[in-house]
Amino acid sequence: MGTFPARIWGRTGCSFDEAGWGKCLTCDCGGLLKCQDSGQPPCTMAEYHPTLNIDYLDISLVDGLPMEFSPTGGGCTKGIRCVADISRDCPFELRVPGACKNACLFC
């Protein structure tokens, strides 16, 4: 069995009931615990891209939410981190609690 590509959205301030319904402060997925699509900005997304020769990990720090993405098995021990606090330099009109909205959302 092979390894499949994956996208993971980092979310903060989440609260869910036992049925998997709730809300997140950042990157809410329409009240769902398991996102069916991308969450509502601000979001940070990590991706995993397996290939025949090498696997790739990347983090999209578009909205300023710090994130770490690390494998937990298969002999791989290297992960990636984007932990810079870019929110402190965020223009006032783009600020939201704990993040900075992407200016392209307003284009």
Protein backbone atom coordinates (compact mmCIF):
# COMPACT_ATOMS: atom_id res chain seq x y z
CA MET A 1 0.00 0.00 0.00
CA GLY A 2 1.40 3.39 -0.99
CA THR A 3 1.44 6.71 0.75
CA PHE A 4 -1.09 9.25 -0.45
CA PRO A 5 -0.78 13.04 -0.85
CA ALA A 6 -2.27 15.05 1.99
CA ARG A 7 -3.34 18.60 2.83
CA ILE A 8 -3.67 19.67 6.45
CA TRP A 9 -5.11 22.99 7.58
CA GLY A 10 -3.87 24.35 10.89
CA ARG A 11 -6.75 25.67 12.96
CA THR A 12 -6.88 27.43 16.31
CA GLY A 13 -9.48 28.03 19.01
CA CYS A 14 -11.59 25.01 18.08
CA SER A 15 -14.39 23.44 20.09
CA PHE A 16 -16.39 20.41 18.85
CA ASP A 17 -19.14 18.24 20.27
CA GLU A 18 -19.09 14.43 20.21
CA ALA A 19 -20.82 14.42 16.81
CA GLY A 20 -17.98 16.47 15.27
CA TRP A 21 -19.83 19.79 15.01
CA GLY A 22 -18.40 23.03 16.33
CA LYS A 23 -16.41 26.10 15.41
CA CYS A 24 -12.81 27.29 15.11
CA LEU A 25 -11.46 30.80 15.63
CA THR A 26 -9.20 30.43 12.57
CA CYS A 27 -9.64 28.23 9.49
CA ASP A 28 -13.17 27.10 10.37
CA CYS A 29 -14.48 24.39 8.00
CA GLY A 30 -18.16 25.28 8.09
CA GLY A 31 -18.53 23.83 11.58
CA LEU A 32 -17.09 20.43 10.59
CA LEU A 33 -14.34 18.67 12.53
CA LYS A 34 -13.08 17.00 9.33
CA CYS A 35 -12.63 19.61 6.58
CA GLN A 36 -14.14 18.64 3.23
CA ASP A 37 -12.36 21.53 1.49
CA SER A 38 -10.13 24.35 2.66
CA GLY A 39 -11.16 26.26 5.74
CA GLN A 40 -12.22 29.89 5.92
CA PRO A 41 -9.24 32.29 6.08
CA PRO A 42 -7.12 32.95 7.92
CA CYS A 43 -5.51 29.52 7.40
CA THR A 44 -2.10 27.97 7.17
CA MET A 45 -1.85 24.78 5.12
CA ALA A 46 0.73 22.00 5.11
CA GLU A 47 1.01 19.61 2.17
CA TYR A 48 2.67 16.25 1.65
CA HIS A 49 3.59 15.15 -1.89
CA PRO A 50 4.98 11.61 -2.25
CA THR A 51 6.82 10.73 -5.47
CA LEU A 52 8.79 7.71 -6.66
CA ASN A 53 12.18 9.15 -5.68
CA ILE A 54 11.62 11.77 -2.98
CA ASP A 55 8.81 13.04 -0.78
CA TYR A 56 8.07 16.76 -0.42
CA LEU A 57 6.62 18.68 2.52
CA ASP A 58 5.63 22.33 2.35
CA ILE A 59 3.82 24.89 4.47
CA SER A 60 1.88 27.85 3.08
CA LEU A 61 2.22 30.64 5.65
CA VAL A 62 -0.05 33.00 3.71
CA ASP A 63 -2.21 34.03 6.66
CA GLY A 64 0.44 34.16 9.35
CA LEU A 65 -0.53 31.21 11.56
CA PRO A 66 2.60 29.40 12.79
CA MET A 67 2.69 25.66 12.03
CA GLU A 68 4.92 22.61 12.36
CA PHE A 69 4.51 19.56 10.10
CA SER A 70 6.51 16.45 10.96
CA PRO A 71 6.26 12.78 9.95
CA THR A 72 5.76 10.25 12.73
CA GLY A 73 6.84 7.01 11.06
CA GLY A 74 8.41 5.29 8.10
CA GLY A 75 11.97 6.12 9.15
CA CYS A 76 11.67 9.83 8.27
CA THR A 77 12.79 12.12 11.05
CA LYS A 78 12.86 15.54 9.36
CA GLY A 79 9.98 17.94 9.53
CA ILE A 80 9.42 21.59 8.72
CA ARG A 81 8.39 24.57 10.83
CA CYS A 82 7.10 28.05 10.07
CA VAL A 83 6.95 29.70 13.46
CA ALA A 84 7.66 33.35 12.64
CA ASP A 85 5.19 35.78 14.16
CA ILE A 86 4.33 37.81 11.07
CA SER A 87 1.08 38.93 12.70
CA ARG A 88 2.84 41.68 14.66
CA ASP A 89 3.66 43.44 11.36
CA CYS A 90 0.18 42.89 9.95
CA PRO A 91 -1.65 46.03 8.74
CA PHE A 92 -4.51 46.92 11.08
CA GLU A 93 -7.24 46.29 8.49
CA LEU A 94 -6.01 42.69 7.94
CA ARG A 95 -5.65 41.72 11.61
CA VAL A 96 -7.80 39.02 13.17
CA PRO A 97 -7.23 37.32 16.53
CA GLY A 98 -4.05 35.26 16.29
CA ALA A 99 -3.45 35.82 12.56
CA CYS A 100 -3.21 38.17 9.61
CA LYS A 101 -5.63 37.79 6.70
CA ASN A 102 -4.21 37.47 3.22
CA ALA A 103 -4.55 40.83 1.40
CA CYS A 104 -5.48 38.94 -1.80
CA LEU A 105 -8.85 38.13 -0.23
CA PHE A 106 -9.81 41.76 -0.80
CA CYS A 107 -8.69 42.01 -4.45
